Amino acid sequence: MKHELADFLDPLGLGAWIYHREVNSTNDLALSWAQHGALDWSLVLADSQTAGRGRFDREWVTRPKSSLAISLVLRPLHQEKAHLPRFTALAALGLIRALHRVDLVGQIKWPNDVLVNGKKVAGVLVEAEWQAEDVSALVVGMGVNISPEAVPDGLRYPATSVEAELSHSINRWTLLADILREMMALRRVLRDQAFIDAWNTSLAFRGQWIDVRRRGEIVESLRVLGITSEGCLSLQNEMGERVELLEGEIVMPGR
């Protein structure tokens, strides 16, 4: 397996990469690696996870040979530290551009999910490693459902897989390499307006009324306007007032 992966990953110029058949959490391993000096673009990937997690510590199931479970250690440059919320979109947009290569259209369900045909195909979780009051590293974790077996029952939001939407199988390592290439290209414009434009182009529910959970469990109906330069979701309430959220959750499409 490692020899096969090397054919896909070594040409990318990563800081380093580690593959595991099974782990508790790729993010936990990457955070530990970051604490011990992992280089920028160091990658942890696993065939399965027993304790993967998403936002709010929700479980992310990763079954063998059915998903991508990856975590990247990124060392933000000084100029990038003013734009840390953009790193979640960096991974999501990388996946969306990789999916475009196989003729699938992905969208970002703010703040951290990727949808295909309105169903969740992937999630992103970014965690930070701090030194005093300075971010020394970010761990960008992503789980992608590759085969239908990756999608468990009883999820909070409709889910799908790449192969279910394509109606044929793919090489998940090819997809992984494409995601990383696209992320590397996008990072070069991370600080530019072009990055926000790309985020808005792929933003799900733009112009639609949706239900948004904020301030704990309060759910409000709001219309999606777009993403601001700060990475906030800009919305409009029923009174016509603008609302900007840096944290929150889209529950479902509204009216």
Foldseek 3Di string as FASTA:
>chain_A
DVVVLCVLPVVVPALEEDEEQEEQAQLVVVLVVVVVPRDARYKYWYQFHNLYAAPPSHGQGHDGPFKTKMKGKHFDDPVCVLQVQCVLVLLQLLLQVLLVVVPWHWADFPPFFIDTPQATFKGWDKDFDDDPPHTGIIMIIMMGGAQQVSDDPDDLTHHGHSCVVSVHHDDVSNSVSSSSVSSVVLVVCSLDVVSQVSNFVRHPQAQFWFWKADPDGDIFTWHFHGADSNRWTWTAHPVRDIDTHPDIHTRGTDD
